[in-house]
Amino acid sequence: LTGEWVQVQILHLPNEPEGLGFGIVGGHSTGVVIKSIVAGSVADKVKLWDLNE
């Protein structure tokens, strides 16, 4: 992954039966980006990211 903007963040989330609660977009050439977070989900509860950044 190359370009002007590259950020890697590793998160460790508990694997709950209802899922992690986030949607991703992108792929090999563009990288993977978090598109959405489901309110009340595991991903929402950890508050480690800001989708407005």
PDB file of N, CA and C in Angstrom:
ATOM      1  N   LEU A   1       0.856  -1.179   0.000  1.00  0.00           N
ATOM      2  CA  LEU A   1       0.000   0.000   0.000  1.00  0.00           C
ATOM      3  C   LEU A   1       0.891   1.227   0.000  1.00  0.00           C
ATOM      4  N   THR A   2       0.759   2.030  -1.004  1.00  0.00           N
ATOM      5  CA  THR A   2       1.574   3.238  -1.092  1.00  0.00           C
ATOM      6  C   THR A   2       0.681   4.430  -1.370  1.00  0.00           C
ATOM      7  N   GLY A   3       1.190   5.587  -1.117  1.00  0.00           N
ATOM      8  CA  GLY A   3       0.437   6.802  -1.379  1.00  0.00           C
ATOM      9  C   GLY A   3       0.764   7.869  -0.359  1.00  0.00           C
ATOM     10  N   GLU A   4       0.082   8.987  -0.492  1.00  0.00           N
ATOM     11  CA  GLU A   4       0.316  10.093   0.420  1.00  0.00           C
ATOM     12  C   GLU A   4      -0.223   9.808   1.813  1.00  0.00           C
ATOM     13  N   TRP A   5      -1.302   9.054   1.904  1.00  0.00           N
ATOM     14  CA  TRP A   5      -1.943   8.823   3.195  1.00  0.00           C
ATOM     15  C   TRP A   5      -1.951   7.332   3.489  1.00  0.00           C
ATOM     16  N   VAL A   6      -1.198   6.916   4.478  1.00  0.00           N
ATOM     17  CA  VAL A   6      -1.169   5.518   4.896  1.00  0.00           C
ATOM     18  C   VAL A   6      -1.188   5.489   6.413  1.00  0.00           C
ATOM     19  N   GLN A   7      -2.137   4.765   6.979  1.00  0.00           N
ATOM     20  CA  GLN A   7      -2.214   4.610   8.422  1.00  0.00           C
ATOM     21  C   GLN A   7      -2.595   3.169   8.707  1.00  0.00           C
ATOM     22  N   VAL A   8      -1.859   2.534   9.586  1.00  0.00           N
ATOM     23  CA  VAL A   8      -2.152   1.166   9.982  1.00  0.00           C
ATOM     24  C   VAL A   8      -2.496   1.185  11.462  1.00  0.00           C
ATOM     25  N   GLN A   9      -3.611   0.569  11.807  1.00  0.00           N
ATOM     26  CA  GLN A   9      -4.014   0.479  13.202  1.00  0.00           C
ATOM     27  C   GLN A   9      -4.455  -0.951  13.454  1.00  0.00           C
ATOM     28  N   ILE A  10      -3.881  -1.572  14.469  1.00  0.00           N
ATOM     29  CA  ILE A  10      -4.227  -2.944  14.836  1.00  0.00           C
ATOM     30  C   ILE A  10      -5.104  -2.893  16.075  1.00  0.00           C
ATOM     31  N   LEU A  11      -6.269  -3.519  15.993  1.00  0.00           N
ATOM     32  CA  LEU A  11      -7.215  -3.550  17.103  1.00  0.00           C
ATOM     33  C   LEU A  11      -7.477  -4.989  17.500  1.00  0.00           C
ATOM     34  N   HIS A  12      -7.601  -5.223  18.780  1.00  0.00           N
ATOM     35  CA  HIS A  12      -7.969  -6.540  19.294  1.00  0.00           C
ATOM     36  C   HIS A  12      -9.351  -6.407  19.922  1.00  0.00           C
ATOM     37  N   LEU A  13     -10.347  -7.040  19.298  1.00  0.00           N
ATOM     38  CA  LEU A  13     -11.724  -6.956  19.755  1.00  0.00           C
ATOM     39  C   LEU A  13     -12.212  -8.340  20.156  1.00  0.00           C
ATOM     40  N   PRO A  14     -13.042  -8.429  21.207  1.00  0.00           N
ATOM     41  CA  PRO A  14     -13.612  -9.732  21.560  1.00  0.00           C
ATOM     42  C   PRO A  14     -14.557 -10.198  20.460  1.00  0.00           C
ATOM     43  N   ASN A  15     -14.524 -11.477  20.153  1.00  0.00           N
ATOM     44  CA  ASN A  15     -15.364 -12.039  19.092  1.00  0.00           C
ATOM     45  C   ASN A  15     -16.704 -12.464  19.685  1.00  0.00           C
ATOM     46  N   GLU A  16     -17.681 -11.589  19.602  1.00  0.00           N
ATOM     47  CA  GLU A  16     -19.013 -11.850  20.138  1.00  0.00           C
ATOM     48  C   GLU A  16     -19.861 -12.586  19.099  1.00  0.00           C
ATOM     49  N   PRO A  17     -20.851 -13.382  19.541  1.00  0.00           N
ATOM     50  CA  PRO A  17     -21.693 -14.123  18.593  1.00  0.00           C
ATOM     51  C   PRO A  17     -22.419 -13.229  17.586  1.00  0.00           C
ATOM     52  N   GLU A  18     -22.779 -12.013  17.984  1.00  0.00           N
ATOM     53  CA  GLU A  18     -23.506 -11.120  17.073  1.00  0.00           C
ATOM     54  C   GLU A  18     -22.593 -10.408  16.089  1.00  0.00           C
ATOM     55  N   GLY A  19     -21.301 -10.637  16.179  1.00  0.00           N
ATOM     56  CA  GLY A  19     -20.350 -10.025  15.252  1.00  0.00           C
ATOM     57  C   GLY A  19     -19.638  -8.839  15.875  1.00  0.00           C
ATOM     58  N   LEU A  20     -18.741  -8.245  15.118  1.00  0.00           N
ATOM     59  CA  LEU A  20     -17.940  -7.131  15.621  1.00  0.00           C
ATOM     60  C   LEU A  20     -18.632  -5.788  15.450  1.00  0.00           C
ATOM     61  N   GLY A  21     -19.500  -5.669  14.466  1.00  0.00           N
ATOM     62  CA  GLY A  21     -20.303  -4.465  14.329  1.00  0.00           C
ATOM     63  C   GLY A  21     -19.698  -3.340  13.526  1.00  0.00           C
ATOM     64  N   PHE A  22     -18.920  -3.678  12.500  1.00  0.00           N
ATOM     65  CA  PHE A  22     -18.439  -2.624  11.616  1.00  0.00           C
ATOM     66  C   PHE A  22     -18.409  -3.118  10.180  1.00  0.00           C
ATOM     67  N   GLY A  23     -18.547  -2.165   9.257  1.00  0.00           N
ATOM     68  CA  GLY A  23     -18.503  -2.463   7.832  1.00  0.00           C
ATOM     69  C   GLY A  23     -17.235  -1.891   7.228  1.00  0.00           C
ATOM     70  N   ILE A  24     -16.680  -2.598   6.252  1.00  0.00           N
ATOM     71  CA  ILE A  24     -15.444  -2.151   5.610  1.00  0.00           C
ATOM     72  C   ILE A  24     -15.634  -2.034   4.105  1.00  0.00           C
ATOM     73  N   VAL A  25     -14.814  -1.213   3.487  1.00  0.00           N
ATOM     74  CA  VAL A  25     -14.771  -1.077   2.035  1.00  0.00           C
ATOM     75  C   VAL A  25     -13.316  -1.074   1.617  1.00  0.00           C
ATOM     76  N   GLY A  26     -13.086  -1.288   0.339  1.00  0.00           N
ATOM     77  CA  GLY A  26     -11.724  -1.248  -0.182  1.00  0.00           C
ATOM     78  C   GLY A  26     -11.234  -2.628  -0.545  1.00  0.00           C
ATOM     79  N   GLY A  27      -9.946  -2.696  -0.782  1.00  0.00           N
ATOM     80  CA  GLY A  27      -9.367  -3.961  -1.178  1.00  0.00           C
ATOM     81  C   GLY A  27      -7.870  -3.887  -1.293  1.00  0.00           C
ATOM     82  N   HIS A  28      -7.323  -4.776  -2.076  1.00  0.00           N
ATOM     83  CA  HIS A  28      -5.872  -4.929  -2.185  1.00  0.00           C
ATOM     84  C   HIS A  28      -5.179  -3.659  -2.644  1.00  0.00           C
ATOM     85  N   SER A  29      -5.675  -3.040  -3.687  1.00  0.00           N
ATOM     86  CA  SER A  29      -4.979  -1.868  -4.236  1.00  0.00           C
ATOM     87  C   SER A  29      -5.262  -0.581  -3.465  1.00  0.00           C
ATOM     88  N   THR A  30      -6.398  -0.521  -2.782  1.00  0.00           N
ATOM     89  CA  THR A  30      -6.759   0.710  -2.077  1.00  0.00           C
ATOM     90  C   THR A  30      -6.585   0.623  -0.574  1.00  0.00           C
ATOM     91  N   GLY A  31      -6.390  -0.564  -0.055  1.00  0.00           N
ATOM     92  CA  GLY A  31      -6.390  -0.750   1.392  1.00  0.00           C
ATOM     93  C   GLY A  31      -7.821  -0.916   1.879  1.00  0.00           C
ATOM     94  N   VAL A  32      -7.973  -1.282   3.122  1.00  0.00           N
ATOM     95  CA  VAL A  32      -9.291  -1.496   3.709  1.00  0.00           C
ATOM     96  C   VAL A  32      -9.594  -0.324   4.629  1.00  0.00           C
ATOM     97  N   VAL A  33     -10.796   0.215   4.508  1.00  0.00           N
ATOM     98  CA  VAL A  33     -11.211   1.371   5.296  1.00  0.00           C
ATOM     99  C   VAL A  33     -12.508   1.027   6.013  1.00  0.00           C
ATOM    100  N   ILE A  34     -12.631   1.421   7.275  1.00  0.00           N
ATOM    101  CA  ILE A  34     -13.872   1.219   8.015  1.00  0.00           C
ATOM    102  C   ILE A  34     -14.901   2.214   7.502  1.00  0.00           C
ATOM    103  N   LYS A  35     -16.034   1.688   7.031  1.00  0.00           N
ATOM    104  CA  LYS A  35     -17.095   2.520   6.456  1.00  0.00           C
ATOM    105  C   LYS A  35     -18.139   2.901   7.499  1.00  0.00           C
ATOM    106  N   SER A  36     -18.495   1.963   8.362  1.00  0.00           N
ATOM    107  CA  SER A  36     -19.560   2.224   9.326  1.00  0.00           C
ATOM    108  C   SER A  36     -19.357   1.394  10.583  1.00  0.00           C
ATOM    109  N   ILE A  37     -19.937   1.879  11.682  1.00  0.00           N
ATOM    110  CA  ILE A  37     -19.914   1.164  12.956  1.00  0.00           C
ATOM    111  C   ILE A  37     -21.348   1.099  13.467  1.00  0.00           C
ATOM    112  N   VAL A  38     -21.795  -0.092  13.850  1.00  0.00           N
ATOM    113  CA  VAL A  38     -23.153  -0.296  14.340  1.00  0.00           C
ATOM    114  C   VAL A  38     -23.240   0.176  15.791  1.00  0.00           C
ATOM    115  N   ALA A  39     -24.206   1.036  16.078  1.00  0.00           N
ATOM    116  CA  ALA A  39     -24.396   1.545  17.438  1.00  0.00           C
ATOM    117  C   ALA A  39     -24.629   0.401  18.420  1.00  0.00           C
ATOM    118  N   GLY A  40     -23.920   0.426  19.540  1.00  0.00           N
ATOM    119  CA  GLY A  40     -24.062  -0.587  20.578  1.00  0.00           C
ATOM    120  C   GLY A  40     -23.251  -1.850  20.356  1.00  0.00           C
ATOM    121  N   SER A  41     -22.567  -1.963  19.231  1.00  0.00           N
ATOM    122  CA  SER A  41     -21.780  -3.160  18.914  1.00  0.00           C
ATOM    123  C   SER A  41     -20.446  -3.147  19.659  1.00  0.00           C
ATOM    124  N   VAL A  42     -19.721  -4.252  19.563  1.00  0.00           N
ATOM    125  CA  VAL A  42     -18.388  -4.342  20.158  1.00  0.00           C
ATOM    126  C   VAL A  42     -17.505  -3.207  19.653  1.00  0.00           C
ATOM    127  N   ALA A  43     -17.510  -2.978  18.357  1.00  0.00           N
ATOM    128  CA  ALA A  43     -16.679  -1.921  17.773  1.00  0.00           C
ATOM    129  C   ALA A  43     -17.062  -0.545  18.315  1.00  0.00           C
ATOM    130  N   ASP A  44     -18.332  -0.313  18.533  1.00  0.00           N
ATOM    131  CA  ASP A  44     -18.802   0.965  19.072  1.00  0.00           C
ATOM    132  C   ASP A  44     -18.381   1.128  20.527  1.00  0.00           C
ATOM    133  N   LYS A  45     -18.445   0.069  21.300  1.00  0.00           N
ATOM    134  CA  LYS A  45     -18.145   0.136  22.734  1.00  0.00           C
ATOM    135  C   LYS A  45     -16.682   0.419  23.034  1.00  0.00           C
ATOM    136  N   VAL A  46     -15.748  -0.019  22.186  1.00  0.00           N
ATOM    137  CA  VAL A  46     -14.325   0.182  22.487  1.00  0.00           C
ATOM    138  C   VAL A  46     -13.859   1.602  22.204  1.00  0.00           C
ATOM    139  N   LYS A  47     -14.558   2.348  21.349  1.00  0.00           N
ATOM    140  CA  LYS A  47     -14.275   3.778  21.089  1.00  0.00           C
ATOM    141  C   LYS A  47     -12.814   4.049  20.733  1.00  0.00           C
ATOM    142  N   LEU A  48     -12.210   3.185  19.922  1.00  0.00           N
ATOM    143  CA  LEU A  48     -10.799   3.353  19.563  1.00  0.00           C
ATOM    144  C   LEU A  48     -10.605   4.117  18.269  1.00  0.00           C
ATOM    145  N   TRP A  49     -11.664   4.467  17.577  1.00  0.00           N
ATOM    146  CA  TRP A  49     -11.524   5.151  16.302  1.00  0.00           C
ATOM    147  C   TRP A  49     -12.569   6.244  16.162  1.00  0.00           C
ATOM    148  N   ASP A  50     -12.328   7.125  15.246  1.00  0.00           N
ATOM    149  CA  ASP A  50     -13.249   8.214  14.942  1.00  0.00           C
ATOM    150  C   ASP A  50     -13.459   8.233  13.434  1.00  0.00           C
ATOM    151  N   LEU A  51     -14.672   7.921  12.985  1.00  0.00           N
ATOM    152  CA  LEU A  51     -14.947   7.862  11.548  1.00  0.00           C
ATOM    153  C   LEU A  51     -14.890   9.226  10.889  1.00  0.00           C
ATOM    154  N   ASN A  52     -14.851  10.284  11.674  1.00  0.00           N
ATOM    155  CA  ASN A  52     -14.802  11.627  11.102  1.00  0.00           C
ATOM    156  C   ASN A  52     -13.384  12.095  10.825  1.00  0.00           C
ATOM    157  N   GLU A  53     -12.385  11.307  11.180  1.00  0.00           N
ATOM    158  CA  GLU A  53     -10.989  11.693  10.933  1.00  0.00           C
ATOM    159  C   GLU A  53     -10.635  11.507   9.487  1.00  0.00           C
TER     160      GLU A  53
END
